Amino acid sequence: MIYTVIATLSENRIETKSRDCRIIRQPLSLLPAEISKYIENTKNLSVKAERSLAYTTLLCALRGFYSIDGAHIERNEYGKPYLADSDIHISLSHSDGSVAVCLSDEGEVGIDIQAEIDESRAERLKNRFFTDLAVKNDNPNVEYYFCKISDDEAIIESIDRPKTADGSFTAKWAYAEALMKLHGRGFSDVTALPALAKNARVDIVDITLDKKYVIAVSAEK
């Protein structure tokens, strides 16, 4: 199964299904030492808050879905996080105050959440990156959840599958990022994207919190 868990720093939240709810009570401020150090070394305060939320959401999801406590999280040379002591595969992303975390027991995964890119910025970027990349939505088996976190507990609730993203530049960007993260590469190697796409299944959806986002989830074929 592939789980995608969304969380946000804003007050807005996605409409959830109360029938599938996991309440996790634990001291959420106690992140692993290596992750705390990584977050504390982040100079941008907004990014620091997003990274803290992303890793807290990850730890809650690991406990909620797989009963994993005290996971040892490491990062590869491109910054892709992985669990050093587990067969569960993970990927994290954050953008403009919201985060998305992906967990899978089916193989490697990559995720990207991207706030909507406005038209003027898209125009500047589209000629620099992957202009010939065709976006494919293969609909792998992904379950979507929303995580509401307080100081001493997290409530993870299931949501309906968000609607499929349109063919916007934001969707193309998220698609490319998710493919790169699946294969643990840096985003600079855009020439490899068509080949990477042939060996991946990708689900691309739209969500709305305080603003519009696109989430792309990639998995191995």
C-alpha atoms as a PDB file:
ATOM      1  CA  MET A   1       0.000   0.000   0.000  1.00  0.00           C
ATOM      2  CA  ILE A   2       1.052   3.589  -0.637  1.00  0.00           C
ATOM      3  CA  TYR A   3      -0.063   6.185   1.911  1.00  0.00           C
ATOM      4  CA  THR A   4       0.070   9.934   1.309  1.00  0.00           C
ATOM      5  CA  VAL A   5      -0.418  12.137   4.373  1.00  0.00           C
ATOM      6  CA  ILE A   6      -0.991  15.895   4.046  1.00  0.00           C
ATOM      7  CA  ALA A   7      -0.531  18.481   6.804  1.00  0.00           C
ATOM      8  CA  THR A   8      -0.552  22.266   6.856  1.00  0.00           C
ATOM      9  CA  LEU A   9       0.628  25.167   8.989  1.00  0.00           C
ATOM     10  CA  SER A  10      -2.538  27.098   8.114  1.00  0.00           C
ATOM     11  CA  GLU A  11      -5.861  26.830   9.927  1.00  0.00           C
ATOM     12  CA  ASN A  12      -7.555  25.344   6.888  1.00  0.00           C
ATOM     13  CA  ARG A  13      -7.931  21.616   6.492  1.00  0.00           C
ATOM     14  CA  ILE A  14      -9.322  19.088   4.054  1.00  0.00           C
ATOM     15  CA  GLU A  15     -12.753  17.578   4.659  1.00  0.00           C
ATOM     16  CA  THR A  16     -12.088  14.171   6.216  1.00  0.00           C
ATOM     17  CA  LYS A  17     -13.845  10.846   6.758  1.00  0.00           C
ATOM     18  CA  SER A  18     -14.312  10.154  10.455  1.00  0.00           C
ATOM     19  CA  ARG A  19     -14.815   6.429   9.810  1.00  0.00           C
ATOM     20  CA  ASP A  20     -11.071   5.937   9.303  1.00  0.00           C
ATOM     21  CA  CYS A  21      -9.253   7.839  12.018  1.00  0.00           C
ATOM     22  CA  ARG A  22      -6.057   7.141  13.941  1.00  0.00           C
ATOM     23  CA  ILE A  23      -5.344   9.159  17.092  1.00  0.00           C
ATOM     24  CA  ILE A  24      -1.672   9.054  18.040  1.00  0.00           C
ATOM     25  CA  ARG A  25      -0.673  10.359  21.459  1.00  0.00           C
ATOM     26  CA  GLN A  26       3.018  10.926  21.974  1.00  0.00           C
ATOM     27  CA  PRO A  27       5.442  13.799  22.744  1.00  0.00           C
ATOM     28  CA  LEU A  28       5.465  15.169  19.213  1.00  0.00           C
ATOM     29  CA  SER A  29       8.241  17.655  19.946  1.00  0.00           C
ATOM     30  CA  LEU A  30      10.799  14.868  20.448  1.00  0.00           C
ATOM     31  CA  LEU A  31      12.193  14.439  16.945  1.00  0.00           C
ATOM     32  CA  PRO A  32      15.266  12.197  16.475  1.00  0.00           C
ATOM     33  CA  ALA A  33      18.531  13.998  17.189  1.00  0.00           C
ATOM     34  CA  GLU A  34      19.799  13.805  13.605  1.00  0.00           C
ATOM     35  CA  ILE A  35      16.565  15.286  12.275  1.00  0.00           C
ATOM     36  CA  SER A  36      16.443  18.010  14.923  1.00  0.00           C
ATOM     37  CA  LYS A  37      19.989  19.043  13.982  1.00  0.00           C
ATOM     38  CA  TYR A  38      19.086  19.120  10.282  1.00  0.00           C
ATOM     39  CA  ILE A  39      16.037  21.305  10.969  1.00  0.00           C
ATOM     40  CA  GLU A  40      17.867  23.647  13.350  1.00  0.00           C
ATOM     41  CA  ASN A  41      20.543  24.274  10.700  1.00  0.00           C
ATOM     42  CA  THR A  42      17.856  25.633   8.354  1.00  0.00           C
ATOM     43  CA  LYS A  43      18.221  29.415   8.198  1.00  0.00           C
ATOM     44  CA  ASN A  44      14.931  30.232   6.469  1.00  0.00           C
ATOM     45  CA  LEU A  45      12.293  30.265   9.222  1.00  0.00           C
ATOM     46  CA  SER A  46       9.408  29.332   6.915  1.00  0.00           C
ATOM     47  CA  VAL A  47      11.307  26.362   5.512  1.00  0.00           C
ATOM     48  CA  LYS A  48      12.354  25.364   9.041  1.00  0.00           C
ATOM     49  CA  ALA A  49       8.696  25.267  10.128  1.00  0.00           C
ATOM     50  CA  GLU A  50       7.725  23.227   7.069  1.00  0.00           C
ATOM     51  CA  ARG A  51      10.534  20.724   7.594  1.00  0.00           C
ATOM     52  CA  SER A  52       9.601  20.319  11.241  1.00  0.00           C
ATOM     53  CA  LEU A  53       5.977  19.684  10.258  1.00  0.00           C
ATOM     54  CA  ALA A  54       7.009  17.236   7.519  1.00  0.00           C
ATOM     55  CA  TYR A  55       9.159  15.084   9.796  1.00  0.00           C
ATOM     56  CA  THR A  56       6.618  15.205  12.617  1.00  0.00           C
ATOM     57  CA  THR A  57       3.945  14.066  10.159  1.00  0.00           C
ATOM     58  CA  LEU A  58       6.248  11.287   8.952  1.00  0.00           C
ATOM     59  CA  LEU A  59       6.851   9.987  12.480  1.00  0.00           C
ATOM     60  CA  CYS A  60       3.119  10.070  13.232  1.00  0.00           C
ATOM     61  CA  ALA A  61       2.352   8.210   9.994  1.00  0.00           C
ATOM     62  CA  LEU A  62       5.018   5.574  10.675  1.00  0.00           C
ATOM     63  CA  ARG A  63       3.448   4.925  14.043  1.00  0.00           C
ATOM     64  CA  GLY A  64      -0.126   5.115  12.801  1.00  0.00           C
ATOM     65  CA  PHE A  65       0.212   2.856   9.752  1.00  0.00           C
ATOM     66  CA  TYR A  66       3.132   0.578  10.617  1.00  0.00           C
ATOM     67  CA  SER A  67       3.475   0.766  14.435  1.00  0.00           C
ATOM     68  CA  ILE A  68       7.065   1.983  14.003  1.00  0.00           C
ATOM     69  CA  ASP A  69       8.529   4.026  16.852  1.00  0.00           C
ATOM     70  CA  GLY A  70      12.037   5.475  17.019  1.00  0.00           C
ATOM     71  CA  ALA A  71      12.777   5.192  13.304  1.00  0.00           C
ATOM     72  CA  HIS A  72      16.377   5.904  12.290  1.00  0.00           C
ATOM     73  CA  ILE A  73      16.138   8.366   9.397  1.00  0.00           C
ATOM     74  CA  GLU A  74      19.130   9.023   7.134  1.00  0.00           C
ATOM     75  CA  ARG A  75      19.572  11.035   3.929  1.00  0.00           C
ATOM     76  CA  ASN A  76      21.373  10.039   0.734  1.00  0.00           C
ATOM     77  CA  GLU A  77      23.786  12.230  -1.238  1.00  0.00           C
ATOM     78  CA  TYR A  78      20.893  14.045  -2.933  1.00  0.00           C
ATOM     79  CA  GLY A  79      19.071  14.673   0.342  1.00  0.00           C
ATOM     80  CA  LYS A  80      16.459  11.923  -0.099  1.00  0.00           C
ATOM     81  CA  PRO A  81      15.445  10.610   3.352  1.00  0.00           C
ATOM     82  CA  TYR A  82      15.221   6.880   4.008  1.00  0.00           C
ATOM     83  CA  LEU A  83      14.709   4.545   6.941  1.00  0.00           C
ATOM     84  CA  ALA A  84      17.946   2.805   7.816  1.00  0.00           C
ATOM     85  CA  ASP A  85      16.280   0.024   9.813  1.00  0.00           C
ATOM     86  CA  SER A  86      13.079  -0.722   7.904  1.00  0.00           C
ATOM     87  CA  ASP A  87      11.731  -1.980   4.578  1.00  0.00           C
ATOM     88  CA  ILE A  88       9.232   0.910   4.494  1.00  0.00           C
ATOM     89  CA  HIS A  89      10.078   3.496   1.829  1.00  0.00           C
ATOM     90  CA  ILE A  90       9.443   7.185   2.418  1.00  0.00           C
ATOM     91  CA  SER A  91       9.464  10.535   0.644  1.00  0.00           C
ATOM     92  CA  LEU A  92       8.749  14.055   1.934  1.00  0.00           C
ATOM     93  CA  SER A  93       7.906  17.384   0.346  1.00  0.00           C
ATOM     94  CA  HIS A  94       6.876  20.852   1.486  1.00  0.00           C
ATOM     95  CA  SER A  95       5.719  24.009  -0.255  1.00  0.00           C
ATOM     96  CA  ASP A  96       4.302  27.340   0.910  1.00  0.00           C
ATOM     97  CA  GLY A  97       3.132  26.250   4.355  1.00  0.00           C
ATOM     98  CA  SER A  98       1.936  22.724   3.604  1.00  0.00           C
ATOM     99  CA  VAL A  99       3.617  19.318   3.524  1.00  0.00           C
ATOM    100  CA  ALA A 100       3.032  15.901   2.016  1.00  0.00           C
ATOM    101  CA  VAL A 101       4.584  12.645   3.186  1.00  0.00           C
ATOM    102  CA  CYS A 102       4.528   9.360   1.297  1.00  0.00           C
ATOM    103  CA  LEU A 103       5.046   5.896   2.814  1.00  0.00           C
ATOM    104  CA  SER A 104       5.091   2.610   0.937  1.00  0.00           C
ATOM    105  CA  ASP A 105       5.593  -1.085   1.609  1.00  0.00           C
ATOM    106  CA  GLU A 106       5.535  -1.764  -2.159  1.00  0.00           C
ATOM    107  CA  GLY A 107       8.919  -0.263  -3.118  1.00  0.00           C
ATOM    108  CA  GLU A 108      10.516   3.127  -3.658  1.00  0.00           C
ATOM    109  CA  VAL A 109       8.313   6.210  -3.863  1.00  0.00           C
ATOM    110  CA  GLY A 110       8.740   9.898  -4.577  1.00  0.00           C
ATOM    111  CA  ILE A 111       6.386  12.751  -3.687  1.00  0.00           C
ATOM    112  CA  ASP A 112       6.130  16.427  -4.450  1.00  0.00           C
ATOM    113  CA  ILE A 113       3.677  19.032  -3.218  1.00  0.00           C
ATOM    114  CA  GLN A 114       3.744  22.292  -5.142  1.00  0.00           C
ATOM    115  CA  ALA A 115       1.772  25.464  -4.520  1.00  0.00           C
ATOM    116  CA  GLU A 116       0.189  26.747  -7.709  1.00  0.00           C
ATOM    117  CA  ILE A 117       2.769  28.504  -9.885  1.00  0.00           C
ATOM    118  CA  ASP A 118       1.409  31.748 -11.275  1.00  0.00           C
ATOM    119  CA  GLU A 119       1.363  32.339 -15.024  1.00  0.00           C
ATOM    120  CA  SER A 120       4.200  34.860 -15.148  1.00  0.00           C
ATOM    121  CA  ARG A 121       6.587  32.587 -13.250  1.00  0.00           C
ATOM    122  CA  ALA A 122       5.488  29.559 -15.266  1.00  0.00           C
ATOM    123  CA  GLU A 123       6.272  31.425 -18.470  1.00  0.00           C
ATOM    124  CA  ARG A 124       9.806  32.132 -17.236  1.00  0.00           C
ATOM    125  CA  LEU A 125      10.407  28.550 -16.148  1.00  0.00           C
ATOM    126  CA  LYS A 126       8.805  26.453 -18.836  1.00  0.00           C
ATOM    127  CA  ASN A 127      11.464  27.117 -21.452  1.00  0.00           C
ATOM    128  CA  ARG A 128      14.246  26.186 -19.001  1.00  0.00           C
ATOM    129  CA  PHE A 129      12.860  22.875 -17.810  1.00  0.00           C
ATOM    130  CA  PHE A 130      11.368  19.787 -19.449  1.00  0.00           C
ATOM    131  CA  THR A 131       9.419  21.551 -22.192  1.00  0.00           C
ATOM    132  CA  ASP A 132       8.935  18.247 -24.025  1.00  0.00           C
ATOM    133  CA  LEU A 133       7.947  16.186 -20.988  1.00  0.00           C
ATOM    134  CA  ALA A 134       4.502  14.613 -21.348  1.00  0.00           C
ATOM    135  CA  VAL A 135       2.662  14.171 -18.038  1.00  0.00           C
ATOM    136  CA  LYS A 136       1.095  10.743 -17.496  1.00  0.00           C
ATOM    137  CA  ASN A 137      -1.348   9.976 -14.706  1.00  0.00           C
ATOM    138  CA  ASP A 138      -1.148   6.223 -14.113  1.00  0.00           C
ATOM    139  CA  ASN A 139      -3.209   6.171 -10.881  1.00  0.00           C
ATOM    140  CA  PRO A 140      -1.153   3.853  -8.655  1.00  0.00           C
ATOM    141  CA  ASN A 141      -2.949   2.551  -5.583  1.00  0.00           C
ATOM    142  CA  VAL A 142      -2.593   5.563  -3.264  1.00  0.00           C
ATOM    143  CA  GLU A 143      -4.641   6.274  -0.133  1.00  0.00           C
ATOM    144  CA  TYR A 144      -4.835   9.919   0.962  1.00  0.00           C
ATOM    145  CA  TYR A 145      -4.969  11.166   4.550  1.00  0.00           C
ATOM    146  CA  PHE A 146      -4.897  14.459   6.430  1.00  0.00           C
ATOM    147  CA  CYS A 147      -2.919  14.841   9.678  1.00  0.00           C
ATOM    148  CA  LYS A 148      -3.953  17.414  12.283  1.00  0.00           C
ATOM    149  CA  ILE A 149      -1.167  17.872  14.827  1.00  0.00           C
ATOM    150  CA  SER A 150      -1.289  19.471  18.271  1.00  0.00           C
ATOM    151  CA  ASP A 151       1.322  19.555  21.042  1.00  0.00           C
ATOM    152  CA  ASP A 152       0.610  16.084  22.364  1.00  0.00           C
ATOM    153  CA  GLU A 153      -1.339  14.183  19.736  1.00  0.00           C
ATOM    154  CA  ALA A 154      -1.955  13.743  16.046  1.00  0.00           C
ATOM    155  CA  ILE A 155      -5.219  12.790  14.378  1.00  0.00           C
ATOM    156  CA  ILE A 156      -4.781  11.089  11.014  1.00  0.00           C
ATOM    157  CA  GLU A 157      -8.033  10.935   9.044  1.00  0.00           C
ATOM    158  CA  SER A 158      -8.730   9.503   5.618  1.00  0.00           C
ATOM    159  CA  ILE A 159      -9.968  11.725   2.797  1.00  0.00           C
ATOM    160  CA  ASP A 160     -11.571  11.008  -0.546  1.00  0.00           C
ATOM    161  CA  ARG A 161      -9.130  10.775  -3.398  1.00  0.00           C
ATOM    162  CA  PRO A 162      -8.563  14.369  -4.549  1.00  0.00           C
ATOM    163  CA  LYS A 163      -9.495  15.187  -8.121  1.00  0.00           C
ATOM    164  CA  THR A 164      -6.973  14.495 -10.858  1.00  0.00           C
ATOM    165  CA  ALA A 165      -4.778  17.483 -11.623  1.00  0.00           C
ATOM    166  CA  ASP A 166      -5.165  19.294 -14.915  1.00  0.00           C
ATOM    167  CA  GLY A 167      -2.380  19.832 -17.442  1.00  0.00           C
ATOM    168  CA  SER A 168      -1.030  22.985 -15.792  1.00  0.00           C
ATOM    169  CA  PHE A 169       2.628  23.894 -15.523  1.00  0.00           C
ATOM    170  CA  THR A 170       2.346  23.319 -11.757  1.00  0.00           C
ATOM    171  CA  ALA A 171       1.276  19.721 -12.427  1.00  0.00           C
ATOM    172  CA  LYS A 172       4.193  19.232 -14.807  1.00  0.00           C
ATOM    173  CA  TRP A 173       6.632  20.608 -12.235  1.00  0.00           C
ATOM    174  CA  ALA A 174       5.285  18.349  -9.457  1.00  0.00           C
ATOM    175  CA  TYR A 175       5.372  15.372 -11.832  1.00  0.00           C
ATOM    176  CA  ALA A 176       9.038  15.989 -12.641  1.00  0.00           C
ATOM    177  CA  GLU A 177       9.981  16.490  -8.986  1.00  0.00           C
ATOM    178  CA  ALA A 178       8.231  13.276  -7.937  1.00  0.00           C
ATOM    179  CA  LEU A 179      10.065  11.293 -10.623  1.00  0.00           C
ATOM    180  CA  MET A 180      13.414  12.695  -9.519  1.00  0.00           C
ATOM    181  CA  LYS A 181      12.669  11.886  -5.884  1.00  0.00           C
ATOM    182  CA  LEU A 182      11.602   8.354  -6.779  1.00  0.00           C
ATOM    183  CA  HIS A 183      15.042   7.681  -8.202  1.00  0.00           C
ATOM    184  CA  GLY A 184      16.906   9.712  -5.579  1.00  0.00           C
ATOM    185  CA  ARG A 185      18.359  12.151  -8.085  1.00  0.00           C
ATOM    186  CA  GLY A 186      18.955  15.863  -8.031  1.00  0.00           C
ATOM    187  CA  PHE A 187      16.589  18.056  -9.985  1.00  0.00           C
ATOM    188  CA  SER A 188      19.407  19.318 -12.215  1.00  0.00           C
ATOM    189  CA  ASP A 189      19.397  16.150 -14.320  1.00  0.00           C
ATOM    190  CA  VAL A 190      16.211  16.968 -16.238  1.00  0.00           C
ATOM    191  CA  THR A 191      17.375  15.189 -19.394  1.00  0.00           C
ATOM    192  CA  ALA A 192      16.771  11.877 -17.613  1.00  0.00           C
ATOM    193  CA  LEU A 193      13.072  12.558 -17.009  1.00  0.00           C
ATOM    194  CA  PRO A 194      11.584  10.812 -20.087  1.00  0.00           C
ATOM    195  CA  ALA A 195      13.520   7.634 -19.285  1.00  0.00           C
ATOM    196  CA  LEU A 196      12.541   7.804 -15.615  1.00  0.00           C
ATOM    197  CA  ALA A 197       8.882   8.245 -16.548  1.00  0.00           C
ATOM    198  CA  LYS A 198       8.877   4.958 -18.483  1.00  0.00           C
ATOM    199  CA  ASN A 199       9.652   3.022 -15.321  1.00  0.00           C
ATOM    200  CA  ALA A 200       7.242   4.775 -12.960  1.00  0.00           C
ATOM    201  CA  ARG A 201       3.569   5.031 -12.095  1.00  0.00           C
ATOM    202  CA  VAL A 202       2.457   8.519 -11.064  1.00  0.00           C
ATOM    203  CA  ASP A 203      -0.717   9.878  -9.469  1.00  0.00           C
ATOM    204  CA  ILE A 204      -1.217  13.652  -9.812  1.00  0.00           C
ATOM    205  CA  VAL A 205      -3.995  15.378  -7.873  1.00  0.00           C
ATOM    206  CA  ASP A 206      -5.208  18.860  -6.932  1.00  0.00           C
ATOM    207  CA  ILE A 207      -5.902  19.866  -3.338  1.00  0.00           C
ATOM    208  CA  THR A 208      -7.018  23.138  -1.781  1.00  0.00           C
ATOM    209  CA  LEU A 209      -6.043  24.294   1.694  1.00  0.00           C
ATOM    210  CA  ASP A 210      -5.443  28.006   2.156  1.00  0.00           C
ATOM    211  CA  LYS A 211      -4.348  27.962  -1.496  1.00  0.00           C
ATOM    212  CA  LYS A 212      -4.227  25.543  -4.388  1.00  0.00           C
ATOM    213  CA  TYR A 213      -1.604  22.799  -4.547  1.00  0.00           C
ATOM    214  CA  VAL A 214      -0.688  19.907  -6.786  1.00  0.00           C
ATOM    215  CA  ILE A 215       0.569  16.635  -5.308  1.00  0.00           C
ATOM    216  CA  ALA A 216       2.379  14.066  -7.440  1.00  0.00           C
ATOM    217  CA  VAL A 217       3.099  10.577  -6.073  1.00  0.00           C
ATOM    218  CA  SER A 218       5.459   8.352  -8.044  1.00  0.00           C
ATOM    219  CA  ALA A 219       6.051   4.618  -7.550  1.00  0.00           C
ATOM    220  CA  GLU A 220       8.042   1.906  -9.257  1.00  0.00           C
ATOM    221  CA  LYS A 221       6.302  -0.106 -11.963  1.00  0.00           C
END
